[in-house]
C-alpha atoms as a PDB file:
ATOM      1  CA  MET A   1      31.736  34.064   9.137  1.00  0.00           C
ATOM      2  CA  LYS A   2      29.729  37.357   9.724  1.00  0.00           C
ATOM      3  CA  ALA A   3      26.932  37.191  12.346  1.00  0.00           C
ATOM      4  CA  VAL A   4      24.599  40.202  12.808  1.00  0.00           C
ATOM      5  CA  TYR A   5      22.759  40.638  15.816  1.00  0.00           C
ATOM      6  CA  SER A   6      19.614  42.742  15.763  1.00  0.00           C
ATOM      7  CA  SER A   7      18.074  43.144  19.108  1.00  0.00           C
ATOM      8  CA  CYS A   8      19.000  39.183  19.815  1.00  0.00           C
ATOM      9  CA  SER A   9      18.392  38.599  23.309  1.00  0.00           C
ATOM     10  CA  PHE A  10      18.718  35.285  25.159  1.00  0.00           C
ATOM     11  CA  ILE A  11      18.982  34.379  29.160  1.00  0.00           C
ATOM     12  CA  ALA A  12      22.178  33.877  30.315  1.00  0.00           C
ATOM     13  CA  PRO A  13      23.656  32.017  33.740  1.00  0.00           C
ATOM     14  CA  LEU A  14      25.175  34.792  35.927  1.00  0.00           C
ATOM     15  CA  VAL A  15      29.148  34.173  36.938  1.00  0.00           C
ATOM     16  CA  GLU A  16      28.759  35.347  40.096  1.00  0.00           C
ATOM     17  CA  GLY A  17      25.474  35.481  42.321  1.00  0.00           C
ATOM     18  CA  PRO A  18      22.936  33.027  43.688  1.00  0.00           C
ATOM     19  CA  GLU A  19      23.144  29.315  42.267  1.00  0.00           C
ATOM     20  CA  ASN A  20      20.871  29.081  38.865  1.00  0.00           C
ATOM     21  CA  SER A  21      20.512  33.120  38.671  1.00  0.00           C
ATOM     22  CA  SER A  22      20.293  34.397  35.343  1.00  0.00           C
ATOM     23  CA  ALA A  23      20.020  37.770  33.170  1.00  0.00           C
ATOM     24  CA  THR A  24      18.269  38.816  30.076  1.00  0.00           C
ATOM     25  CA  VAL A  25      21.596  39.702  27.417  1.00  0.00           C
ATOM     26  CA  LEU A  26      21.207  41.994  24.396  1.00  0.00           C
ATOM     27  CA  LEU A  27      23.533  41.824  21.394  1.00  0.00           C
ATOM     28  CA  GLU A  28      23.342  44.212  18.599  1.00  0.00           C
ATOM     29  CA  GLY A  29      25.945  44.774  15.787  1.00  0.00           C
ATOM     30  CA  GLU A  30      28.305  42.623  13.670  1.00  0.00           C
ATOM     31  CA  LEU A  31      31.116  40.279  14.467  1.00  0.00           C
ATOM     32  CA  PHE A  32      33.503  38.856  12.041  1.00  0.00           C
ATOM     33  CA  GLN A  33      34.703  35.249  13.134  1.00  0.00           C
ATOM     34  CA  ASP A  34      37.555  33.107  11.091  1.00  0.00           C
ATOM     35  CA  VAL A  35      38.018  29.817  12.729  1.00  0.00           C
ATOM     36  CA  SER A  36      40.518  26.926  11.637  1.00  0.00           C
ATOM     37  CA  THR A  37      41.221  24.103  13.724  1.00  0.00           C
ATOM     38  CA  SER A  38      42.994  20.593  13.277  1.00  0.00           C
ATOM     39  CA  GLU A  39      42.993  17.501  15.520  1.00  0.00           C
ATOM     40  CA  THR A  40      44.999  14.354  15.753  1.00  0.00           C
ATOM     41  CA  LEU A  41      43.818  11.369  17.262  1.00  0.00           C
ATOM     42  CA  ASP A  42      46.986   9.615  19.135  1.00  0.00           C
ATOM     43  CA  ALA A  43      47.361   5.948  17.866  1.00  0.00           C
ATOM     44  CA  SER A  44      48.557   4.524  21.039  1.00  0.00           C
ATOM     45  CA  SER A  45      44.409   5.427  22.045  1.00  0.00           C
ATOM     46  CA  ILE A  46      42.640   2.627  23.570  1.00  0.00           C
ATOM     47  CA  PRO A  47      38.546   2.569  24.790  1.00  0.00           C
ATOM     48  CA  SER A  48      39.939   3.591  28.272  1.00  0.00           C
ATOM     49  CA  LEU A  49      41.827   6.554  27.176  1.00  0.00           C
ATOM     50  CA  THR A  50      41.300   8.085  24.033  1.00  0.00           C
ATOM     51  CA  LYS A  51      43.921  11.155  23.203  1.00  0.00           C
ATOM     52  CA  VAL A  52      43.392  14.019  21.314  1.00  0.00           C
ATOM     53  CA  THR A  53      46.181  16.823  19.821  1.00  0.00           C
ATOM     54  CA  PHE A  54      44.566  19.776  18.560  1.00  0.00           C
ATOM     55  CA  ASP A  55      45.509  23.467  17.036  1.00  0.00           C
ATOM     56  CA  GLY A  56      43.395  26.111  16.380  1.00  0.00           C
ATOM     57  CA  THR A  57      43.043  29.774  15.237  1.00  0.00           C
ATOM     58  CA  GLN A  58      39.832  31.987  15.634  1.00  0.00           C
ATOM     59  CA  ARG A  59      40.131  35.798  14.563  1.00  0.00           C
ATOM     60  CA  LEU A  60      37.193  37.837  16.169  1.00  0.00           C
ATOM     61  CA  ARG A  61      36.753  41.436  15.116  1.00  0.00           C
ATOM     62  CA  SER A  62      33.932  44.214  15.453  1.00  0.00           C
ATOM     63  CA  SER A  63      33.308  47.764  15.184  1.00  0.00           C
ATOM     64  CA  ASN A  64      29.700  48.285  16.268  1.00  0.00           C
ATOM     65  CA  TYR A  65      28.994  44.969  18.834  1.00  0.00           C
ATOM     66  CA  LYS A  66      27.319  46.215  21.900  1.00  0.00           C
ATOM     67  CA  VAL A  67      25.913  44.225  24.974  1.00  0.00           C
ATOM     68  CA  ASN A  68      22.888  45.348  26.960  1.00  0.00           C
ATOM     69  CA  GLY A  69      23.763  48.829  24.890  1.00  0.00           C
ATOM     70  CA  TYR A  70      27.351  49.078  26.161  1.00  0.00           C
ATOM     71  CA  LEU A  71      29.293  50.027  22.718  1.00  0.00           C
ATOM     72  CA  PHE A  72      32.544  47.476  23.016  1.00  0.00           C
ATOM     73  CA  PRO A  73      35.591  49.638  21.417  1.00  0.00           C
ATOM     74  CA  THR A  74      36.674  48.529  18.197  1.00  0.00           C
ATOM     75  CA  PHE A  75      38.590  45.111  18.220  1.00  0.00           C
ATOM     76  CA  ASP A  76      40.515  42.606  16.273  1.00  0.00           C
ATOM     77  CA  VAL A  77      41.963  39.353  18.256  1.00  0.00           C
ATOM     78  CA  THR A  78      42.920  36.153  17.362  1.00  0.00           C
ATOM     79  CA  PHE A  79      43.000  33.454  19.813  1.00  0.00           C
ATOM     80  CA  THR A  80      45.540  30.783  18.910  1.00  0.00           C
ATOM     81  CA  VAL A  81      46.427  27.053  20.459  1.00  0.00           C
ATOM     82  CA  ASN A  82      49.272  24.979  19.475  1.00  0.00           C
ATOM     83  CA  ASN A  83      49.454  21.449  20.732  1.00  0.00           C
ATOM     84  CA  GLY A  84      46.491  21.375  22.708  1.00  0.00           C
ATOM     85  CA  LYS A  85      45.643  18.097  24.951  1.00  0.00           C
ATOM     86  CA  ILE A  86      42.473  16.580  25.435  1.00  0.00           C
ATOM     87  CA  ALA A  87      42.173  13.001  26.900  1.00  0.00           C
ATOM     88  CA  LEU A  88      38.905  10.842  27.409  1.00  0.00           C
ATOM     89  CA  GLU A  89      39.361   8.696  30.393  1.00  0.00           C
ATOM     90  CA  ASN A  90      37.253   5.730  30.871  1.00  0.00           C
ATOM     91  CA  PHE A  91      34.528   6.545  28.015  1.00  0.00           C
ATOM     92  CA  ASN A  92      33.887   3.052  28.353  1.00  0.00           C
ATOM     93  CA  ASP A  93      32.489   3.184  31.571  1.00  0.00           C
ATOM     94  CA  LEU A  94      30.397   6.401  31.716  1.00  0.00           C
ATOM     95  CA  ASP A  95      29.763   6.690  35.572  1.00  0.00           C
ATOM     96  CA  ASN A  96      33.492   6.950  35.870  1.00  0.00           C
ATOM     97  CA  ALA A  97      34.822   9.087  32.697  1.00  0.00           C
ATOM     98  CA  TYR A  98      36.332  12.245  32.725  1.00  0.00           C
ATOM     99  CA  ILE A  99      37.679  14.851  30.103  1.00  0.00           C
ATOM    100  CA  SER A 100      41.067  16.417  30.549  1.00  0.00           C
ATOM    101  CA  VAL A 101      42.310  19.355  28.667  1.00  0.00           C
ATOM    102  CA  GLU A 102      45.410  21.194  28.585  1.00  0.00           C
ATOM    103  CA  GLU A 103      46.476  24.134  26.550  1.00  0.00           C
ATOM    104  CA  VAL A 104      47.837  27.723  26.152  1.00  0.00           C
ATOM    105  CA  LEU A 105      45.737  30.120  24.808  1.00  0.00           C
ATOM    106  CA  HIS A 106      47.848  33.087  23.296  1.00  0.00           C
ATOM    107  CA  ALA A 107      45.759  36.002  22.573  1.00  0.00           C
ATOM    108  CA  SER A 108      47.109  38.715  20.151  1.00  0.00           C
ATOM    109  CA  GLY A 109      45.600  42.044  18.316  1.00  0.00           C
ATOM    110  CA  THR A 110      43.970  45.052  19.672  1.00  0.00           C
ATOM    111  CA  ILE A 111      41.044  46.141  21.680  1.00  0.00           C
ATOM    112  CA  GLY A 112      40.813  49.999  21.148  1.00  0.00           C
ATOM    113  CA  ASP A 113      43.947  51.652  21.422  1.00  0.00           C
ATOM    114  CA  GLU A 114      45.371  48.274  23.684  1.00  0.00           C
ATOM    115  CA  LYS A 115      47.456  46.093  22.080  1.00  0.00           C
ATOM    116  CA  ILE A 116      47.120  42.504  23.401  1.00  0.00           C
ATOM    117  CA  ASP A 117      49.953  39.825  23.239  1.00  0.00           C
ATOM    118  CA  LYS A 118      49.259  37.350  26.095  1.00  0.00           C
ATOM    119  CA  ASP A 119      49.196  33.882  26.842  1.00  0.00           C
ATOM    120  CA  PHE A 120      46.912  32.299  29.173  1.00  0.00           C
ATOM    121  CA  PRO A 121      47.956  28.409  30.459  1.00  0.00           C
ATOM    122  CA  PHE A 122      44.634  26.298  30.800  1.00  0.00           C
ATOM    123  CA  LYS A 123      44.776  23.006  32.514  1.00  0.00           C
ATOM    124  CA  SER A 124      41.290  21.060  33.870  1.00  0.00           C
ATOM    125  CA  ARG A 125      39.765  17.746  34.520  1.00  0.00           C
ATOM    126  CA  TYR A 126      35.839  17.411  34.221  1.00  0.00           C
ATOM    127  CA  LYS A 127      34.200  14.136  35.429  1.00  0.00           C
ATOM    128  CA  LEU A 128      31.406  13.618  33.219  1.00  0.00           C
ATOM    129  CA  LYS A 129      28.470  12.633  35.155  1.00  0.00           C
END
C-alpha cells in the first residue's frame, strides 16, 4: 500500500504533559506499507475465555517522510510477530472483561545508515471498562 501525505494535519494526544493535552501534527511525503497477518482461534476457547494466536509482518519504508517539517532518514523496517497471544477474558460480562496481549515484536532493517535487528517483548492486560 502506498500512502501519500500532502499537508495532512491532525490533532494527536501528547505522550508527556498535562492530562488530555494534544498537539497538531503535520505529515508530508510517501509511506509504503506491506502487511500480512494470520490468526488462529484456540479450539478450547469458551465464552468466558477466548484465546487467539497470531503471526504478522509489517514492512514500512520511505525516503521522503516528514513530520512537522522534520525529514526522517530513509528507512526500510520490517516488524514481525510469531506466536503472539491474545486472550479475551469475561467478554460475556463486559463490566469484568479484560484483553491480554503477549508478544515479542522483532524489528529489522535500516534507518538511515543504522542497521536494526532487535526484539521487543510486550505483555499487558487491559480492563475493557
